[in-house]
Structure formats: C-alpha cells, structure tokens
C-alpha cells in the first residue's frame, strides 16, 4: 500500500465524529416529537362572514352581491381596486378550470385575531389576505360591515 491509501486517523477524532452525529440525531428526534422551535398560532374563531357572488357587467365593472339576499355590497369600476379584482378573477378562473360554475358564492371571513380570509368551497381554495399586506387586505375588509353575520 502506498502512503496515500493509508492515512491514520486518531481514535478520539472518530469517537468525536460519531458522538456529534449521534447528538444531532437525538436533537432532531427531540425537536420533532416535543415541538421544540415550532411557533403555533391558536385557532381563531370567525366573528364576521359574508357570502359573495360576483357578476361581470358589460361596461367592465364587477358587482359584488351578498348571496341569498342579493344585497349590493360593492361595485368595482374598471381600473379600480386592482388587488380585489385580480384575486376574485383568480378564484373564478380556478373554479372554471375545476369544472365548477359561478353559482356558489365565495366566503369572506374575519376572525377574532384580526385575520381575514377569502375561501371558495367549490375548489377548497382559501387565502389569508393579510399575506398580501395591510393595504390589500383592507380592500376586502371594507366589504365586511358590522351587520355581516356568521353563516
């Protein structure tokens, strides 16, 4: 054998490397089973909810109605509320791709922790609107009035 094929390694170095690997495996196991380092947010309760149907108008505007009562919630003119329009358009396109119609309403929900979600029961899609920043979330928050109910 040549000197390049046989390099002596000290036994304490091998023991130390083995101990390091063992400690790492133990730390991962304890972390996974004990929830160490995991941030948990308590489950929030809904405080207001609005079932919305969306209708496209021939002038490019969209109207938002409360499902069931057909109460006009908002009219969004072309060029206004870009985030609201784009989000609803994305939800509508996902629904059409999945083979669903426009009949079932979208649900806008405010929770007791202040979060706001838009969901579509037809596709199972749900979006936390705060993820897009407070200004974008506010575009939807204004649709929820004090009279909005839990349904």
N, C-alpha and C. Protein backbone atom coordinates (compact mmCIF):
# COMPACT_ATOMS: atom_id res chain seq x y z
N UNK A 1 0.83 -1.17 0.00
CA UNK A 1 0.00 0.00 0.00
C UNK A 1 0.87 1.24 0.00
N UNK A 2 0.39 2.24 -0.68
CA UNK A 2 1.13 3.49 -0.68
C UNK A 2 0.66 4.34 0.49
N UNK A 3 1.42 5.39 0.76
CA UNK A 3 1.08 6.27 1.87
C UNK A 3 -0.24 7.01 1.63
N UNK A 4 -0.60 7.25 0.36
CA UNK A 4 -1.83 7.97 0.05
C UNK A 4 -3.06 7.13 0.37
N UNK A 5 -2.95 5.79 0.32
CA UNK A 5 -4.09 4.92 0.58
C UNK A 5 -4.30 4.67 2.07
N UNK A 6 -3.32 4.89 2.87
CA UNK A 6 -3.42 4.60 4.29
C UNK A 6 -3.09 5.86 5.09
N UNK A 7 -4.13 6.55 5.52
CA UNK A 7 -3.95 7.75 6.32
C UNK A 7 -4.46 7.43 7.72
N UNK A 8 -3.60 7.46 8.68
CA UNK A 8 -4.06 7.13 10.04
C UNK A 8 -4.95 8.24 10.60
N UNK A 9 -6.03 7.83 11.26
CA UNK A 9 -6.94 8.76 11.90
C UNK A 9 -6.96 8.40 13.37
N UNK A 10 -6.84 9.39 14.19
CA UNK A 10 -6.81 9.16 15.63
C UNK A 10 -8.17 8.68 16.11
N UNK A 11 -8.15 7.72 17.02
CA UNK A 11 -9.39 7.17 17.57
C UNK A 11 -10.25 8.23 18.24
N UNK A 12 -9.70 9.18 18.99
CA UNK A 12 -10.56 10.20 19.60
C UNK A 12 -11.32 11.05 18.56
N UNK A 13 -10.72 11.28 17.39
CA UNK A 13 -11.41 12.04 16.35
C UNK A 13 -12.61 11.26 15.82
N UNK A 14 -12.44 9.96 15.62
CA UNK A 14 -13.55 9.13 15.15
C UNK A 14 -14.66 9.06 16.20
N UNK A 15 -14.29 8.93 17.45
CA UNK A 15 -15.28 8.88 18.53
C UNK A 15 -16.03 10.21 18.60
N UNK A 16 -15.32 11.32 18.47
CA UNK A 16 -15.95 12.64 18.49
C UNK A 16 -16.92 12.83 17.34
N UNK A 17 -16.53 12.38 16.14
CA UNK A 17 -17.41 12.50 14.98
C UNK A 17 -18.66 11.65 15.16
N UNK A 18 -18.50 10.45 15.69
CA UNK A 18 -19.65 9.58 15.96
C UNK A 18 -20.57 10.19 17.01
N UNK A 19 -19.98 10.78 18.05
CA UNK A 19 -20.79 11.41 19.10
C UNK A 19 -21.56 12.61 18.54
N UNK A 20 -20.93 13.37 17.65
CA UNK A 20 -21.59 14.52 17.04
C UNK A 20 -22.78 14.08 16.19
N UNK A 21 -22.61 13.03 15.41
CA UNK A 21 -23.70 12.50 14.59
C UNK A 21 -24.83 11.99 15.49
N UNK A 22 -24.47 11.27 16.55
CA UNK A 22 -25.47 10.75 17.49
C UNK A 22 -26.24 11.87 18.17
N UNK A 23 -25.52 12.91 18.62
CA UNK A 23 -26.18 14.05 19.27
C UNK A 23 -27.12 14.76 18.31
N UNK A 24 -26.70 14.91 17.06
CA UNK A 24 -27.54 15.56 16.05
C UNK A 24 -28.83 14.78 15.83
N UNK A 25 -28.71 13.47 15.72
CA UNK A 25 -29.90 12.62 15.53
C UNK A 25 -30.83 12.73 16.73
N UNK A 26 -30.28 12.73 17.93
CA UNK A 26 -31.08 12.85 19.15
C UNK A 26 -31.78 14.22 19.20
N UNK A 27 -31.07 15.27 18.85
CA UNK A 27 -31.65 16.62 18.87
C UNK A 27 -32.81 16.73 17.88
N UNK A 28 -32.66 16.15 16.71
CA UNK A 28 -33.73 16.18 15.71
C UNK A 28 -34.94 15.40 16.23
N UNK A 29 -34.71 14.24 16.82
CA UNK A 29 -35.80 13.44 17.36
C UNK A 29 -36.56 14.19 18.45
N UNK A 30 -35.83 14.78 19.38
CA UNK A 30 -36.46 15.52 20.48
C UNK A 30 -37.22 16.73 19.94
N UNK A 31 -36.63 17.42 18.98
CA UNK A 31 -37.29 18.59 18.40
C UNK A 31 -38.58 18.22 17.68
N UNK A 32 -38.56 17.13 16.94
CA UNK A 32 -39.75 16.72 16.18
C UNK A 32 -40.86 16.22 17.10
N UNK A 33 -40.51 15.43 18.08
CA UNK A 33 -41.54 14.85 18.94
C UNK A 33 -42.01 15.82 20.03
N UNK A 34 -41.15 16.72 20.45
CA UNK A 34 -41.50 17.64 21.53
C UNK A 34 -41.98 18.99 21.07
N UNK A 35 -41.94 19.27 19.78
CA UNK A 35 -42.41 20.56 19.27
C UNK A 35 -41.47 21.71 19.58
N UNK A 36 -40.21 21.42 19.84
CA UNK A 36 -39.24 22.47 20.15
C UNK A 36 -39.00 23.31 18.90
N UNK A 37 -39.06 24.62 19.06
CA UNK A 37 -38.77 25.52 17.95
C UNK A 37 -39.93 25.73 16.99
N UNK A 38 -41.10 25.20 17.32
CA UNK A 38 -42.26 25.35 16.45
C UNK A 38 -43.15 26.47 17.00
N UNK A 39 -43.46 27.42 16.15
CA UNK A 39 -44.36 28.50 16.54
C UNK A 39 -45.78 28.09 16.19
N UNK A 40 -46.64 28.12 17.18
CA UNK A 40 -48.03 27.75 16.94
C UNK A 40 -48.94 28.94 17.21
N UNK A 41 -49.89 29.11 16.33
CA UNK A 41 -50.86 30.19 16.47
C UNK A 41 -52.18 29.54 16.90
N UNK A 42 -52.78 30.03 17.98
CA UNK A 42 -54.05 29.42 18.40
C UNK A 42 -55.12 29.59 17.33
N UNK A 43 -56.02 28.62 17.27
CA UNK A 43 -57.07 28.67 16.26
C UNK A 43 -57.99 29.85 16.52
N UNK A 44 -58.25 30.61 15.49
CA UNK A 44 -59.10 31.80 15.61
C UNK A 44 -60.56 31.43 15.33
N UNK A 45 -61.45 32.20 15.93
CA UNK A 45 -62.88 31.99 15.72
C UNK A 45 -63.42 33.08 14.79
N UNK A 46 -64.31 32.70 13.86
CA UNK A 46 -64.88 33.71 12.96
C UNK A 46 -65.80 34.66 13.72
N UNK A 47 -65.69 35.94 13.41
CA UNK A 47 -66.56 36.94 14.03
C UNK A 47 -67.48 37.61 13.01
N UNK A 48 -67.13 37.57 11.74
CA UNK A 48 -67.98 38.12 10.69
C UNK A 48 -67.70 37.37 9.40
N UNK A 49 -68.75 37.17 8.63
CA UNK A 49 -68.60 36.42 7.39
C UNK A 49 -69.59 36.96 6.36
N UNK A 50 -69.18 36.92 5.13
CA UNK A 50 -70.02 37.41 4.04
C UNK A 50 -69.87 36.48 2.85
N UNK A 51 -71.00 35.95 2.38
CA UNK A 51 -71.01 35.12 1.18
C UNK A 51 -71.22 36.04 -0.02
N UNK A 52 -70.26 36.04 -0.93
CA UNK A 52 -70.26 36.98 -2.06
C UNK A 52 -70.45 36.27 -3.39
N UNK A 53 -71.32 36.83 -4.21
CA UNK A 53 -71.39 36.41 -5.61
C UNK A 53 -70.84 37.56 -6.45
N UNK A 54 -70.18 37.21 -7.52
CA UNK A 54 -69.52 38.20 -8.38
C UNK A 54 -70.18 38.17 -9.75
N UNK A 55 -70.48 39.35 -10.26
CA UNK A 55 -71.10 39.45 -11.58
C UNK A 55 -70.31 40.45 -12.43
N UNK A 56 -69.95 40.02 -13.63
CA UNK A 56 -69.28 40.91 -14.58
C UNK A 56 -70.34 41.72 -15.33
N UNK A 57 -70.10 43.02 -15.45
CA UNK A 57 -71.01 43.87 -16.21
C UNK A 57 -70.41 44.16 -17.57
N UNK A 58 -71.26 44.57 -18.50
CA UNK A 58 -70.81 44.83 -19.87
C UNK A 58 -69.87 46.03 -19.95
N UNK A 59 -69.94 46.95 -18.98
CA UNK A 59 -69.07 48.12 -19.01
C UNK A 59 -67.69 47.86 -18.38
N UNK A 60 -67.43 46.60 -18.01
CA UNK A 60 -66.14 46.24 -17.43
C UNK A 60 -66.12 46.26 -15.92
N UNK A 61 -67.16 46.79 -15.31
CA UNK A 61 -67.24 46.80 -13.85
C UNK A 61 -67.66 45.42 -13.35
N UNK A 62 -67.40 45.18 -12.08
CA UNK A 62 -67.91 43.96 -11.45
C UNK A 62 -68.76 44.38 -10.25
N UNK A 63 -69.81 43.62 -10.02
CA UNK A 63 -70.66 43.88 -8.86
C UNK A 63 -70.54 42.71 -7.90
N UNK A 64 -70.52 43.04 -6.63
CA UNK A 64 -70.44 42.04 -5.58
C UNK A 64 -71.75 42.10 -4.80
N UNK A 65 -72.41 40.96 -4.72
CA UNK A 65 -73.69 40.87 -4.03
C UNK A 65 -73.58 39.89 -2.87
N UNK A 66 -74.35 40.14 -1.82
CA UNK A 66 -74.44 39.18 -0.73
C UNK A 66 -75.32 38.04 -1.21
N UNK A 67 -74.79 36.83 -1.17
CA UNK A 67 -75.54 35.66 -1.63
C UNK A 67 -76.78 35.47 -0.77
N UNK A 68 -77.85 35.07 -1.41
CA UNK A 68 -79.09 34.82 -0.68
C UNK A 68 -79.99 36.03 -0.64
N UNK A 69 -79.45 37.20 -0.36
CA UNK A 69 -80.28 38.41 -0.27
C UNK A 69 -80.14 39.28 -1.52
N UNK A 70 -79.12 39.04 -2.31
CA UNK A 70 -78.80 39.85 -3.49
C UNK A 70 -78.56 41.32 -3.15
N UNK A 71 -78.24 41.61 -1.88
CA UNK A 71 -77.89 42.97 -1.48
C UNK A 71 -76.59 43.36 -2.16
N UNK A 72 -76.57 44.53 -2.81
CA UNK A 72 -75.37 45.02 -3.47
C UNK A 72 -74.36 45.43 -2.40
N UNK A 73 -73.21 44.78 -2.41
CA UNK A 73 -72.16 45.07 -1.43
C UNK A 73 -71.22 46.13 -1.99
N UNK A 74 -70.85 45.99 -3.26
CA UNK A 74 -69.93 46.94 -3.88
C UNK A 74 -69.99 46.82 -5.39
N UNK A 75 -69.66 47.92 -6.04
CA UNK A 75 -69.45 47.94 -7.48
C UNK A 75 -68.02 48.41 -7.70
N UNK A 76 -67.26 47.62 -8.43
CA UNK A 76 -65.85 47.95 -8.68
C UNK A 76 -65.71 48.32 -10.15
N UNK A 77 -65.37 49.57 -10.39
CA UNK A 77 -65.25 50.08 -11.75
C UNK A 77 -63.93 49.61 -12.37
N UNK A 78 -63.85 49.59 -13.71
CA UNK A 78 -62.59 49.22 -14.36
C UNK A 78 -61.46 50.14 -13.90
N UNK A 79 -60.31 49.57 -13.62
CA UNK A 79 -59.15 50.35 -13.20
C UNK A 79 -59.10 50.62 -11.71
N UNK A 80 -60.10 50.22 -10.97
CA UNK A 80 -60.12 50.42 -9.52
C UNK A 80 -59.89 49.09 -8.80
N UNK A 81 -59.40 49.19 -7.57
CA UNK A 81 -59.25 48.01 -6.70
C UNK A 81 -58.60 46.83 -7.43
N UNK A 82 -57.41 47.06 -7.94
CA UNK A 82 -56.72 46.03 -8.72
C UNK A 82 -56.52 44.73 -7.98
N UNK A 83 -56.15 44.80 -6.69
CA UNK A 83 -55.94 43.57 -5.93
C UNK A 83 -57.24 42.80 -5.77
N UNK A 84 -58.31 43.48 -5.44
CA UNK A 84 -59.60 42.83 -5.27
C UNK A 84 -60.05 42.16 -6.56
N UNK A 85 -59.95 42.89 -7.66
CA UNK A 85 -60.35 42.35 -8.97
C UNK A 85 -59.49 41.14 -9.35
N UNK A 86 -58.17 41.26 -9.18
CA UNK A 86 -57.27 40.17 -9.58
C UNK A 86 -57.49 38.93 -8.72
N UNK A 87 -57.72 39.13 -7.43
CA UNK A 87 -57.95 37.99 -6.54
C UNK A 87 -59.24 37.27 -6.91
N UNK A 88 -60.30 38.02 -7.10
CA UNK A 88 -61.58 37.40 -7.48
C UNK A 88 -61.49 36.76 -8.86
N UNK A 89 -60.75 37.37 -9.78
CA UNK A 89 -60.57 36.78 -11.11
C UNK A 89 -59.82 35.45 -11.00
N UNK A 90 -58.77 35.43 -10.17
CA UNK A 90 -58.01 34.19 -9.97
C UNK A 90 -58.87 33.09 -9.37
N UNK A 91 -59.69 33.44 -8.39
CA UNK A 91 -60.60 32.46 -7.79
C UNK A 91 -61.59 31.95 -8.83
N UNK A 92 -62.13 32.87 -9.63
CA UNK A 92 -63.10 32.48 -10.66
C UNK A 92 -62.49 31.58 -11.72
N UNK A 93 -61.27 31.89 -12.14
CA UNK A 93 -60.61 31.05 -13.14
C UNK A 93 -60.29 29.67 -12.60
N UNK A 94 -59.87 29.59 -11.33
CA UNK A 94 -59.60 28.29 -10.71
C UNK A 94 -60.88 27.46 -10.66
N UNK A 95 -61.97 28.12 -10.38
CA UNK A 95 -63.26 27.43 -10.31
C UNK A 95 -63.64 26.89 -11.69
N UNK A 96 -63.46 27.69 -12.74
CA UNK A 96 -63.80 27.24 -14.09
C UNK A 96 -62.89 26.09 -14.54
N UNK A 97 -61.59 26.17 -14.21
CA UNK A 97 -60.66 25.09 -14.56
C UNK A 97 -61.05 23.79 -13.88
N UNK A 98 -61.61 23.89 -12.68
CA UNK A 98 -62.02 22.69 -11.94
C UNK A 98 -63.39 22.18 -12.39
N UNK A 99 -64.01 22.89 -13.34
CA UNK A 99 -65.29 22.44 -13.87
C UNK A 99 -66.50 22.87 -13.06
N UNK A 100 -66.34 23.87 -12.22
CA UNK A 100 -67.45 24.38 -11.41
C UNK A 100 -68.03 25.63 -12.05
N UNK A 101 -69.28 25.90 -11.75
CA UNK A 101 -69.94 27.10 -12.26
C UNK A 101 -69.73 28.28 -11.32
N UNK A 102 -70.43 29.37 -11.61
CA UNK A 102 -70.31 30.60 -10.83
C UNK A 102 -71.37 30.71 -9.74
N UNK A 103 -72.22 29.72 -9.61
CA UNK A 103 -73.36 29.83 -8.71
C UNK A 103 -72.97 29.92 -7.24
N UNK A 104 -72.06 29.07 -6.81
CA UNK A 104 -71.71 29.03 -5.39
C UNK A 104 -70.91 30.28 -5.00
N UNK A 105 -71.25 30.90 -3.89
CA UNK A 105 -70.57 32.15 -3.51
C UNK A 105 -69.18 31.91 -2.93
N UNK A 106 -68.38 32.95 -2.99
CA UNK A 106 -67.11 32.98 -2.26
C UNK A 106 -67.43 33.43 -0.84
N UNK A 107 -66.58 33.07 0.12
CA UNK A 107 -66.82 33.46 1.51
C UNK A 107 -65.66 34.30 2.02
N UNK A 108 -66.00 35.50 2.47
CA UNK A 108 -65.04 36.42 3.09
C UNK A 108 -65.28 36.34 4.60
N UNK A 109 -64.23 36.04 5.36
CA UNK A 109 -64.39 35.83 6.81
C UNK A 109 -63.35 36.61 7.59
N UNK A 110 -63.81 37.30 8.64
CA UNK A 110 -62.91 37.98 9.58
C UNK A 110 -62.91 37.16 10.87
N UNK A 111 -61.72 37.00 11.46
CA UNK A 111 -61.56 36.20 12.68
C UNK A 111 -61.24 37.09 13.86
N UNK A 112 -61.41 36.54 15.07
CA UNK A 112 -61.19 37.33 16.29
C UNK A 112 -59.74 37.73 16.50
N UNK A 113 -58.82 37.14 15.78
CA UNK A 113 -57.43 37.57 15.87
C UNK A 113 -57.09 38.65 14.84
N UNK A 114 -58.10 39.12 14.11
CA UNK A 114 -57.90 40.17 13.12
C UNK A 114 -57.60 39.68 11.72
N UNK A 115 -57.39 38.39 11.55
CA UNK A 115 -57.08 37.87 10.21
C UNK A 115 -58.32 37.86 9.34
N UNK A 116 -58.09 37.83 8.04
CA UNK A 116 -59.15 37.91 7.05
C UNK A 116 -58.85 36.90 5.96
N UNK A 117 -59.84 36.06 5.62
CA UNK A 117 -59.63 35.06 4.58
C UNK A 117 -60.71 35.15 3.52
N UNK A 118 -60.34 34.72 2.33
CA UNK A 118 -61.29 34.55 1.24
C UNK A 118 -61.22 33.08 0.87
N UNK A 119 -62.37 32.42 0.81
CA UNK A 119 -62.37 30.99 0.52
C UNK A 119 -63.43 30.65 -0.52
N UNK A 120 -63.20 29.53 -1.18
CA UNK A 120 -64.11 29.02 -2.19
C UNK A 120 -64.39 27.56 -1.88
N UNK A 121 -65.59 27.27 -1.42
CA UNK A 121 -65.95 25.90 -1.06
C UNK A 121 -65.96 24.98 -2.28
N UNK A 122 -66.20 25.53 -3.46
CA UNK A 122 -66.26 24.71 -4.67
C UNK A 122 -64.90 24.09 -5.00
N UNK A 123 -63.83 24.85 -4.80
CA UNK A 123 -62.49 24.34 -5.13
C UNK A 123 -61.67 23.97 -3.90
N UNK A 124 -62.12 24.40 -2.72
CA UNK A 124 -61.36 24.16 -1.50
C UNK A 124 -60.24 25.16 -1.29
N UNK A 125 -60.17 26.16 -2.11
CA UNK A 125 -59.09 27.16 -2.02
C UNK A 125 -59.40 28.18 -0.93
N UNK A 126 -58.38 28.53 -0.16
CA UNK A 126 -58.53 29.52 0.92
C UNK A 126 -57.26 30.35 0.97
N UNK A 127 -57.42 31.68 1.03
CA UNK A 127 -56.28 32.58 1.03
C UNK A 127 -56.37 33.50 2.23
N UNK A 128 -55.26 33.60 2.98
CA UNK A 128 -55.16 34.56 4.07
C UNK A 128 -54.77 35.89 3.44
N UNK A 129 -55.66 36.85 3.48
CA UNK A 129 -55.45 38.11 2.76
C UNK A 129 -54.38 39.00 3.39
N UNK A 130 -54.07 38.82 4.68
CA UNK A 130 -53.00 39.61 5.30
C UNK A 130 -51.64 39.28 4.71
N UNK A 131 -51.52 38.13 4.09
CA UNK A 131 -50.25 37.74 3.48
C UNK A 131 -49.84 38.70 2.37
N UNK A 132 -50.79 39.46 1.86
CA UNK A 132 -50.52 40.40 0.77
C UNK A 132 -50.36 41.83 1.25
N UNK A 133 -50.30 42.02 2.56
CA UNK A 133 -50.09 43.34 3.14
C UNK A 133 -51.38 43.99 3.59
N UNK A 134 -51.26 44.95 4.50
CA UNK A 134 -52.45 45.57 5.09
C UNK A 134 -53.30 46.36 4.09
N UNK A 135 -52.68 46.99 3.11
CA UNK A 135 -53.45 47.76 2.13
C UNK A 135 -54.33 46.85 1.29
N UNK A 136 -53.77 45.73 0.85
CA UNK A 136 -54.54 44.79 0.04
C UNK A 136 -55.62 44.11 0.86
N UNK A 137 -55.32 43.76 2.11
CA UNK A 137 -56.34 43.15 2.97
C UNK A 137 -57.47 44.13 3.22
N UNK A 138 -57.15 45.42 3.34
CA UNK A 138 -58.17 46.44 3.59
C UNK A 138 -59.16 46.56 2.43
N UNK A 139 -58.72 46.24 1.22
CA UNK A 139 -59.62 46.28 0.07
C UNK A 139 -60.79 45.31 0.27
N UNK A 140 -60.52 44.18 0.91
CA UNK A 140 -61.58 43.22 1.20
C UNK A 140 -62.26 43.53 2.53
N UNK A 141 -61.51 44.01 3.51
CA UNK A 141 -62.07 44.27 4.84
C UNK A 141 -63.22 45.27 4.78
N UNK A 142 -63.13 46.24 3.88
CA UNK A 142 -64.19 47.25 3.79
C UNK A 142 -65.52 46.66 3.33
N UNK A 143 -65.47 45.46 2.73
CA UNK A 143 -66.71 44.81 2.28
C UNK A 143 -67.50 44.25 3.46
N UNK A 144 -66.80 43.94 4.53
CA UNK A 144 -67.47 43.41 5.73
C UNK A 144 -67.98 44.56 6.57
N UNK A 145 -69.26 44.63 6.74
CA UNK A 145 -69.85 45.67 7.57
C UNK A 145 -70.14 45.10 8.95
N UNK A 146 -70.53 45.95 9.87
CA UNK A 146 -70.88 45.48 11.20
C UNK A 146 -72.07 44.54 11.17
N UNK A 147 -72.88 44.62 10.14
CA UNK A 147 -74.04 43.76 10.04
C UNK A 147 -73.75 42.40 9.42
N UNK A 148 -72.51 42.16 9.01
CA UNK A 148 -72.16 40.87 8.43
C UNK A 148 -72.33 39.79 9.49
N UNK A 149 -72.78 38.65 9.08
CA UNK A 149 -73.11 37.60 10.04
C UNK A 149 -72.27 36.36 9.85
N UNK A 150 -72.31 35.52 10.85
CA UNK A 150 -71.69 34.20 10.75
C UNK A 150 -72.71 33.26 10.13
N UNK A 151 -72.33 32.64 9.03
CA UNK A 151 -73.25 31.70 8.36
C UNK A 151 -72.53 30.43 8.06
